[in-house]
Amino acid sequence: MRDGSGPIAVALGLLLLFLPLFWMGGMMGFGMGAGVLFWAVLALLLYYAIAGGDSGQKDALRVLRERYARGEITREEFLRMKEEIGG
């Protein structure tokens, strides 16, 4: 997802999926819940590592806007380059 809500949706989905394990009661319920929580956090970290490639595009657009603001490129060049990087 381009707006950054992807990791949040994944985290909420995992939480709702495994939340009943925390209410099983006793030590076994907590132990299972803690294990699931560990894997959920690991999955979320992996998702951030994989989906983090989008930050390069944001940096490129930021640099392009700065160059346009400084007058280094024309409006036509700005629009063409912005389209090329997908911004």
Foldseek 3Di string as FASTA:
>chain_A
DPVPCVLVVLLVVLCVVLVVLCVPDDPRSPVVSVVSVVVSVVVSVVVCVVVVVCVVLVVVLVVLVVCVVVVVDDPVVSVVVCVVSPD
